PDB file of N, CA and C in Angstrom:
ATOM      1  N   MET A   1      40.225  15.478  36.313  1.00  0.00           N
ATOM      2  CA  MET A   1      40.399  14.174  36.912  1.00  0.00           C
ATOM      3  C   MET A   1      39.048  13.451  37.045  1.00  0.00           C
ATOM      4  N   LYS A   2      38.011  14.197  37.466  1.00  0.00           N
ATOM      5  CA  LYS A   2      36.692  13.590  37.605  1.00  0.00           C
ATOM      6  C   LYS A   2      36.147  13.141  36.252  1.00  0.00           C
ATOM      7  N   GLN A   3      36.433  13.928  35.225  1.00  0.00           N
ATOM      8  CA  GLN A   3      35.956  13.556  33.892  1.00  0.00           C
ATOM      9  C   GLN A   3      36.629  12.281  33.407  1.00  0.00           C
ATOM     10  N   ARG A   4      37.908  12.136  33.726  1.00  0.00           N
ATOM     11  CA  ARG A   4      38.641  10.946  33.300  1.00  0.00           C
ATOM     12  C   ARG A   4      38.082   9.712  33.999  1.00  0.00           C
ATOM     13  N   ILE A   5      37.820   9.816  35.297  1.00  0.00           N
ATOM     14  CA  ILE A   5      37.266   8.689  36.038  1.00  0.00           C
ATOM     15  C   ILE A   5      35.864   8.357  35.514  1.00  0.00           C
ATOM     16  N   PHE A   6      35.079   9.386  35.287  1.00  0.00           N
ATOM     17  CA  PHE A   6      33.731   9.173  34.752  1.00  0.00           C
ATOM     18  C   PHE A   6      33.784   8.481  33.396  1.00  0.00           C
ATOM     19  N   SER A   7      34.683   8.917  32.522  1.00  0.00           N
ATOM     20  CA  SER A   7      34.773   8.310  31.195  1.00  0.00           C
ATOM     21  C   SER A   7      35.247   6.864  31.274  1.00  0.00           C
ATOM     22  N   LEU A   8      36.160   6.550  32.208  1.00  0.00           N
ATOM     23  CA  LEU A   8      36.610   5.164  32.375  1.00  0.00           C
ATOM     24  C   LEU A   8      35.470   4.277  32.886  1.00  0.00           C
ATOM     25  N   ILE A   9      34.728   4.780  33.860  1.00  0.00           N
ATOM     26  CA  ILE A   9      33.600   4.004  34.390  1.00  0.00           C
ATOM     27  C   ILE A   9      32.547   3.801  33.313  1.00  0.00           C
ATOM     28  N   PHE A  10      32.260   4.846  32.571  1.00  0.00           N
ATOM     29  CA  PHE A  10      31.264   4.762  31.503  1.00  0.00           C
ATOM     30  C   PHE A  10      31.690   3.748  30.439  1.00  0.00           C
ATOM     31  N   THR A  11      32.956   3.782  30.045  1.00  0.00           N
ATOM     32  CA  THR A  11      33.477   2.839  29.055  1.00  0.00           C
ATOM     33  C   THR A  11      33.394   1.409  29.575  1.00  0.00           C
ATOM     34  N   PHE A  12      33.741   1.220  30.836  1.00  0.00           N
ATOM     35  CA  PHE A  12      33.674  -0.108  31.443  1.00  0.00           C
ATOM     36  C   PHE A  12      32.239  -0.632  31.451  1.00  0.00           C
ATOM     37  N   LEU A  13      31.297   0.224  31.830  1.00  0.00           N
ATOM     38  CA  LEU A  13      29.893  -0.193  31.860  1.00  0.00           C
ATOM     39  C   LEU A  13      29.378  -0.542  30.464  1.00  0.00           C
ATOM     40  N   LEU A  14      29.776   0.229  29.462  1.00  0.00           N
ATOM     41  CA  LEU A  14      29.368  -0.085  28.092  1.00  0.00           C
ATOM     42  C   LEU A  14      29.924  -1.431  27.643  1.00  0.00           C
ATOM     43  N   ALA A  15      31.196  -1.689  27.973  1.00  0.00           N
ATOM     44  CA  ALA A  15      31.817  -2.958  27.587  1.00  0.00           C
ATOM     45  C   ALA A  15      31.130  -4.122  28.286  1.00  0.00           C
ATOM     46  N   CYS A  16      30.825  -3.975  29.552  1.00  0.00           N
ATOM     47  CA  CYS A  16      30.143  -5.049  30.291  1.00  0.00           C
ATOM     48  C   CYS A  16      28.738  -5.254  29.770  1.00  0.00           C
ATOM     49  N   GLY A  17      28.060  -4.178  29.447  1.00  0.00           N
ATOM     50  CA  GLY A  17      26.705  -4.294  28.921  1.00  0.00           C
ATOM     51  C   GLY A  17      26.675  -5.059  27.623  1.00  0.00           C
ATOM     52  N   ASN A  18      27.651  -4.827  26.765  1.00  0.00           N
ATOM     53  CA  ASN A  18      27.703  -5.563  25.493  1.00  0.00           C
ATOM     54  C   ASN A  18      27.967  -7.042  25.717  1.00  0.00           C
ATOM     55  N   LEU A  19      28.801  -7.367  26.683  1.00  0.00           N
ATOM     56  CA  LEU A  19      29.082  -8.773  26.955  1.00  0.00           C
ATOM     57  C   LEU A  19      27.844  -9.497  27.463  1.00  0.00           C
ATOM     58  N   PHE A  20      27.136  -8.876  28.384  1.00  0.00           N
ATOM     59  CA  PHE A  20      25.936  -9.512  28.912  1.00  0.00           C
ATOM     60  C   PHE A  20      24.858  -9.609  27.842  1.00  0.00           C
ATOM     61  N   ALA A  21      24.713  -8.604  27.034  1.00  0.00           N
ATOM     62  CA  ALA A  21      23.684  -8.604  26.003  1.00  0.00           C
ATOM     63  C   ALA A  21      23.947  -9.705  24.984  1.00  0.00           C
ATOM     64  N   GLN A  22      25.204  -9.910  24.638  1.00  0.00           N
ATOM     65  CA  GLN A  22      25.520 -10.935  23.651  1.00  0.00           C
ATOM     66  C   GLN A  22      25.215 -12.324  24.190  1.00  0.00           C
ATOM     67  N   SER A  23      25.537 -12.571  25.436  1.00  0.00           N
ATOM     68  CA  SER A  23      25.269 -13.897  25.978  1.00  0.00           C
ATOM     69  C   SER A  23      23.767 -14.138  26.098  1.00  0.00           C
ATOM     70  N   ASN A  24      22.999 -13.124  26.480  1.00  0.00           N
ATOM     71  CA  ASN A  24      21.551 -13.280  26.588  1.00  0.00           C
ATOM     72  C   ASN A  24      20.915 -13.491  25.225  1.00  0.00           C
ATOM     73  N   GLU A  25      21.363 -12.747  24.224  1.00  0.00           N
ATOM     74  CA  GLU A  25      20.779 -12.894  22.890  1.00  0.00           C
ATOM     75  C   GLU A  25      21.043 -14.289  22.336  1.00  0.00           C
ATOM     76  N   ASN A  26      22.230 -14.805  22.566  1.00  0.00           N
ATOM     77  CA  ASN A  26      22.533 -16.133  22.045  1.00  0.00           C
ATOM     78  C   ASN A  26      21.657 -17.189  22.702  1.00  0.00           C
ATOM     79  N   ASN A  27      21.463 -17.073  24.020  1.00  0.00           N
ATOM     80  CA  ASN A  27      20.621 -18.048  24.705  1.00  0.00           C
ATOM     81  C   ASN A  27      19.173 -17.932  24.261  1.00  0.00           C
ATOM     82  N   ILE A  28      18.685 -16.718  24.142  1.00  0.00           N
ATOM     83  CA  ILE A  28      17.304 -16.520  23.707  1.00  0.00           C
ATOM     84  C   ILE A  28      17.130 -17.001  22.275  1.00  0.00           C
ATOM     85  N   GLU A  29      18.105 -16.681  21.443  1.00  0.00           N
ATOM     86  CA  GLU A  29      18.027 -17.109  20.048  1.00  0.00           C
ATOM     87  C   GLU A  29      18.032 -18.627  19.950  1.00  0.00           C
ATOM     88  N   LYS A  30      18.878 -19.279  20.723  1.00  0.00           N
ATOM     89  CA  LYS A  30      18.918 -20.742  20.715  1.00  0.00           C
ATOM     90  C   LYS A  30      17.598 -21.322  21.195  1.00  0.00           C
ATOM     91  N   PHE A  31      17.022 -20.721  22.230  1.00  0.00           N
ATOM     92  CA  PHE A  31      15.741 -21.209  22.748  1.00  0.00           C
ATOM     93  C   PHE A  31      14.651 -21.129  21.689  1.00  0.00           C
ATOM     94  N   PHE A  32      14.555 -19.985  21.019  1.00  0.00           N
ATOM     95  CA  PHE A  32      13.508 -19.828  20.013  1.00  0.00           C
ATOM     96  C   PHE A  32      13.712 -20.778  18.845  1.00  0.00           C
ATOM     97  N   ARG A  33      14.941 -20.964  18.442  1.00  0.00           N
ATOM     98  CA  ARG A  33      15.177 -21.839  17.293  1.00  0.00           C
ATOM     99  C   ARG A  33      14.997 -23.313  17.648  1.00  0.00           C
ATOM    100  N   THR A  34      15.404 -23.717  18.847  1.00  0.00           N
ATOM    101  CA  THR A  34      15.259 -25.127  19.205  1.00  0.00           C
ATOM    102  C   THR A  34      13.805 -25.482  19.472  1.00  0.00           C
ATOM    103  N   GLU A  35      13.041 -24.571  20.004  1.00  0.00           N
ATOM    104  CA  GLU A  35      11.635 -24.841  20.316  1.00  0.00           C
ATOM    105  C   GLU A  35      10.719 -24.494  19.153  1.00  0.00           C
ATOM    106  N   SER A  36      11.241 -24.026  18.047  1.00  0.00           N
ATOM    107  CA  SER A  36      10.481 -23.621  16.859  1.00  0.00           C
ATOM    108  C   SER A  36       9.491 -22.512  17.162  1.00  0.00           C
ATOM    109  N   LYS A  37       9.807 -21.709  18.159  1.00  0.00           N
ATOM    110  CA  LYS A  37       8.931 -20.598  18.514  1.00  0.00           C
ATOM    111  C   LYS A  37       9.305 -19.335  17.758  1.00  0.00           C
ATOM    112  N   PHE A  38      10.452 -19.347  17.137  1.00  0.00           N
ATOM    113  CA  PHE A  38      10.911 -18.201  16.363  1.00  0.00           C
ATOM    114  C   PHE A  38       9.908 -17.892  15.253  1.00  0.00           C
ATOM    115  N   TYR A  39       9.456 -18.907  14.575  1.00  0.00           N
ATOM    116  CA  TYR A  39       8.529 -18.715  13.464  1.00  0.00           C
ATOM    117  C   TYR A  39       7.151 -18.264  13.957  1.00  0.00           C
ATOM    118  N   VAL A  40       6.773 -18.683  15.147  1.00  0.00           N
ATOM    119  CA  VAL A  40       5.505 -18.244  15.721  1.00  0.00           C
ATOM    120  C   VAL A  40       5.560 -16.750  16.020  1.00  0.00           C
ATOM    121  N   VAL A  41       6.675 -16.300  16.578  1.00  0.00           N
ATOM    122  CA  VAL A  41       6.840 -14.881  16.881  1.00  0.00           C
ATOM    123  C   VAL A  41       6.818 -14.056  15.601  1.00  0.00           C
ATOM    124  N   VAL A  42       7.506 -14.508  14.585  1.00  0.00           N
ATOM    125  CA  VAL A  42       7.532 -13.797  13.306  1.00  0.00           C
ATOM    126  C   VAL A  42       6.127 -13.757  12.698  1.00  0.00           C
ATOM    127  N   ALA A  43       5.407 -14.842  12.777  1.00  0.00           N
ATOM    128  CA  ALA A  43       4.051 -14.882  12.222  1.00  0.00           C
ATOM    129  C   ALA A  43       3.119 -13.928  12.970  1.00  0.00           C
ATOM    130  N   VAL A  44       3.205 -13.892  14.283  1.00  0.00           N
ATOM    131  CA  VAL A  44       2.364 -12.988  15.066  1.00  0.00           C
ATOM    132  C   VAL A  44       2.692 -11.541  14.745  1.00  0.00           C
ATOM    133  N   LEU A  45       3.976 -11.216  14.662  1.00  0.00           N
ATOM    134  CA  LEU A  45       4.367  -9.852  14.305  1.00  0.00           C
ATOM    135  C   LEU A  45       3.882  -9.468  12.913  1.00  0.00           C
ATOM    136  N   ALA A  46       3.955 -10.397  11.982  1.00  0.00           N
ATOM    137  CA  ALA A  46       3.479 -10.113  10.627  1.00  0.00           C
ATOM    138  C   ALA A  46       1.972  -9.861  10.621  1.00  0.00           C
ATOM    139  N   ILE A  47       1.226 -10.644  11.372  1.00  0.00           N
ATOM    140  CA  ILE A  47      -0.228 -10.454  11.438  1.00  0.00           C
ATOM    141  C   ILE A  47      -0.567  -9.100  12.050  1.00  0.00           C
ATOM    142  N   VAL A  48       0.143  -8.729  13.114  1.00  0.00           N
ATOM    143  CA  VAL A  48      -0.111  -7.435  13.755  1.00  0.00           C
ATOM    144  C   VAL A  48       0.204  -6.289  12.800  1.00  0.00           C
ATOM    145  N   MET A  49       1.315  -6.373  12.088  1.00  0.00           N
ATOM    146  CA  MET A  49       1.696  -5.308  11.153  1.00  0.00           C
ATOM    147  C   MET A  49       0.700  -5.208   9.997  1.00  0.00           C
ATOM    148  N   ILE A  50       0.227  -6.335   9.498  1.00  0.00           N
ATOM    149  CA  ILE A  50      -0.769  -6.316   8.427  1.00  0.00           C
ATOM    150  C   ILE A  50      -2.064  -5.697   8.933  1.00  0.00           C
ATOM    151  N   GLY A  51      -2.440  -6.024  10.160  1.00  0.00           N
ATOM    152  CA  GLY A  51      -3.641  -5.429  10.747  1.00  0.00           C
ATOM    153  C   GLY A  51      -3.518  -3.921  10.905  1.00  0.00           C
ATOM    154  N   LEU A  52      -2.372  -3.449  11.369  1.00  0.00           N
ATOM    155  CA  LEU A  52      -2.153  -2.009  11.499  1.00  0.00           C
ATOM    156  C   LEU A  52      -2.184  -1.310  10.148  1.00  0.00           C
ATOM    157  N   LEU A  53      -1.583  -1.926   9.150  1.00  0.00           N
ATOM    158  CA  LEU A  53      -1.592  -1.350   7.805  1.00  0.00           C
ATOM    159  C   LEU A  53      -3.020  -1.271   7.265  1.00  0.00           C
ATOM    160  N   GLY A  54      -3.794  -2.318   7.470  1.00  0.00           N
ATOM    161  CA  GLY A  54      -5.188  -2.301   7.034  1.00  0.00           C
ATOM    162  C   GLY A  54      -5.989  -1.225   7.737  1.00  0.00           C
ATOM    163  N   TYR A  55      -5.754  -1.028   9.020  1.00  0.00           N
ATOM    164  CA  TYR A  55      -6.469   0.002   9.772  1.00  0.00           C
ATOM    165  C   TYR A  55      -6.107   1.398   9.285  1.00  0.00           C
ATOM    166  N   VAL A  56      -4.843   1.629   8.969  1.00  0.00           N
ATOM    167  CA  VAL A  56      -4.418   2.934   8.453  1.00  0.00           C
ATOM    168  C   VAL A  56      -5.051   3.202   7.092  1.00  0.00           C
ATOM    169  N   ILE A  57      -5.106   2.193   6.243  1.00  0.00           N
ATOM    170  CA  ILE A  57      -5.740   2.349   4.930  1.00  0.00           C
ATOM    171  C   ILE A  57      -7.228   2.642   5.100  1.00  0.00           C
ATOM    172  N   TYR A  58      -7.887   1.944   6.031  1.00  0.00           N
ATOM    173  CA  TYR A  58      -9.300   2.181   6.310  1.00  0.00           C
ATOM    174  C   TYR A  58      -9.531   3.621   6.770  1.00  0.00           C
ATOM    175  N   LEU A  59      -8.693   4.107   7.688  1.00  0.00           N
ATOM    176  CA  LEU A  59      -8.839   5.480   8.167  1.00  0.00           C
ATOM    177  C   LEU A  59      -8.592   6.500   7.059  1.00  0.00           C
ATOM    178  N   ASP A  60      -7.632   6.214   6.179  1.00  0.00           N
ATOM    179  CA  ASP A  60      -7.343   7.122   5.074  1.00  0.00           C
ATOM    180  C   ASP A  60      -8.539   7.228   4.135  1.00  0.00           C
ATOM    181  N   ARG A  61      -9.145   6.109   3.801  1.00  0.00           N
ATOM    182  CA  ARG A  61     -10.309   6.136   2.914  1.00  0.00           C
ATOM    183  C   ARG A  61     -11.479   6.858   3.562  1.00  0.00           C
ATOM    184  N   LYS A  62     -11.674   6.610   4.845  1.00  0.00           N
ATOM    185  CA  LYS A  62     -12.766   7.268   5.565  1.00  0.00           C
ATOM    186  C   LYS A  62     -12.536   8.778   5.615  1.00  0.00           C
ATOM    187  N   THR A  63     -11.299   9.189   5.825  1.00  0.00           N
ATOM    188  CA  THR A  63     -10.970  10.618   5.859  1.00  0.00           C
ATOM    189  C   THR A  63     -11.187  11.252   4.492  1.00  0.00           C
ATOM    190  N   GLN A  64     -10.785  10.588   3.433  1.00  0.00           N
ATOM    191  CA  GLN A  64     -10.991  11.115   2.092  1.00  0.00           C
ATOM    192  C   GLN A  64     -12.478  11.261   1.783  1.00  0.00           C
ATOM    193  N   LYS A  65     -13.272  10.291   2.220  1.00  0.00           N
ATOM    194  CA  LYS A  65     -14.710  10.360   1.988  1.00  0.00           C
ATOM    195  C   LYS A  65     -15.324  11.550   2.719  1.00  0.00           C
ATOM    196  N   LEU A  66     -14.907  11.782   3.957  1.00  0.00           N
ATOM    197  CA  LEU A  66     -15.411  12.922   4.721  1.00  0.00           C
ATOM    198  C   LEU A  66     -14.972  14.250   4.111  1.00  0.00           C
ATOM    199  N   GLU A  67     -13.747  14.308   3.622  1.00  0.00           N
ATOM    200  CA  GLU A  67     -13.261  15.534   2.974  1.00  0.00           C
ATOM    201  C   GLU A  67     -14.074  15.837   1.722  1.00  0.00           C
ATOM    202  N   LYS A  68     -14.397  14.802   0.966  1.00  0.00           N
ATOM    203  CA  LYS A  68     -15.213  15.018  -0.234  1.00  0.00           C
ATOM    204  C   LYS A  68     -16.601  15.510   0.132  1.00  0.00           C
ATOM    205  N   GLN A  69     -17.165  14.973   1.212  1.00  0.00           N
ATOM    206  CA  GLN A  69     -18.488  15.413   1.650  1.00  0.00           C
ATOM    207  C   GLN A  69     -18.454  16.868   2.111  1.00  0.00           C
ATOM    208  N   ILE A  70     -17.454  17.220   2.877  1.00  0.00           N
ATOM    209  CA  ILE A  70     -17.389  18.580   3.423  1.00  0.00           C
ATOM    210  C   ILE A  70     -17.062  19.593   2.345  1.00  0.00           C
ATOM    211  N   PHE A  71     -16.016  19.349   1.591  1.00  0.00           N
ATOM    212  CA  PHE A  71     -15.550  20.333   0.623  1.00  0.00           C
ATOM    213  C   PHE A  71     -16.255  20.213  -0.723  1.00  0.00           C
ATOM    214  N   GLY A  72     -16.885  19.098  -1.000  1.00  0.00           N
ATOM    215  CA  GLY A  72     -17.607  18.944  -2.255  1.00  0.00           C
ATOM    216  C   GLY A  72     -18.947  19.655  -2.243  1.00  0.00           C
ATOM    217  N   GLU A  73     -19.630  19.647  -1.106  1.00  0.00           N
ATOM    218  CA  GLU A  73     -20.940  20.283  -1.017  1.00  0.00           C
ATOM    219  C   GLU A  73     -20.842  21.792  -0.963  1.00  0.00           C
ATOM    220  N   ASN A  74     -19.847  22.293  -0.312  1.00  0.00           N
ATOM    221  CA  ASN A  74     -19.733  23.737  -0.108  1.00  0.00           C
ATOM    222  C   ASN A  74     -18.430  24.217  -0.741  1.00  0.00           C
ATOM    223  N   ASN A  75     -18.507  24.748  -1.959  1.00  0.00           N
ATOM    224  CA  ASN A  75     -17.315  25.179  -2.670  1.00  0.00           C
ATOM    225  C   ASN A  75     -16.613  26.351  -1.990  1.00  0.00           C
ATOM    226  N   SER A  76     -17.324  27.140  -1.238  1.00  0.00           N
ATOM    227  CA  SER A  76     -16.693  28.274  -0.565  1.00  0.00           C
ATOM    228  C   SER A  76     -15.689  27.790   0.465  1.00  0.00           C
ATOM    229  N   LEU A  77     -15.976  26.675   1.120  1.00  0.00           N
ATOM    230  CA  LEU A  77     -15.020  26.139   2.095  1.00  0.00           C
ATOM    231  C   LEU A  77     -13.758  25.643   1.394  1.00  0.00           C
ATOM    232  N   SER A  78     -13.930  24.979   0.251  1.00  0.00           N
ATOM    233  CA  SER A  78     -12.759  24.483  -0.463  1.00  0.00           C
ATOM    234  C   SER A  78     -11.905  25.615  -1.002  1.00  0.00           C
ATOM    235  N   GLN A  79     -12.541  26.703  -1.424  1.00  0.00           N
ATOM    236  CA  GLN A  79     -11.781  27.858  -1.921  1.00  0.00           C
ATOM    237  C   GLN A  79     -11.055  28.539  -0.773  1.00  0.00           C
ATOM    238  N   GLU A  80     -11.676  28.613   0.401  1.00  0.00           N
ATOM    239  CA  GLU A  80     -11.011  29.210   1.566  1.00  0.00           C
ATOM    240  C   GLU A  80      -9.809  28.383   1.968  1.00  0.00           C
ATOM    241  N   LYS A  81      -9.935  27.057   1.898  1.00  0.00           N
ATOM    242  CA  LYS A  81      -8.827  26.193   2.272  1.00  0.00           C
ATOM    243  C   LYS A  81      -7.659  26.353   1.316  1.00  0.00           C
ATOM    244  N   LYS A  82      -7.929  26.519   0.022  1.00  0.00           N
ATOM    245  CA  LYS A  82      -6.867  26.675  -0.968  1.00  0.00           C
ATOM    246  C   LYS A  82      -6.103  27.984  -0.769  1.00  0.00           C
ATOM    247  N   GLN A  83      -6.782  29.016  -0.296  1.00  0.00           N
ATOM    248  CA  GLN A  83      -6.123  30.309  -0.110  1.00  0.00           C
ATOM    249  C   GLN A  83      -5.321  30.237   1.135  1.00  0.00           C
TER     250      GLN A  83
END
């Protein structure tokens, strides 16, 4: 009996949550589109993602350079790593 009541309450809360979320998304979406701020948000997100991608590429190149310095100078270390 407790499980049935719990499942009914849980289902009700999920249904209500979806209703509220839909109304909020529509209002927020309308606000961004009417104020032309939607494109500003997309542009900022794109700039941040490009910056993160550039930083990851920079770190990868720096790591490769350090690996070449460490394992290139001392062949015994590179052979130990391969084993």
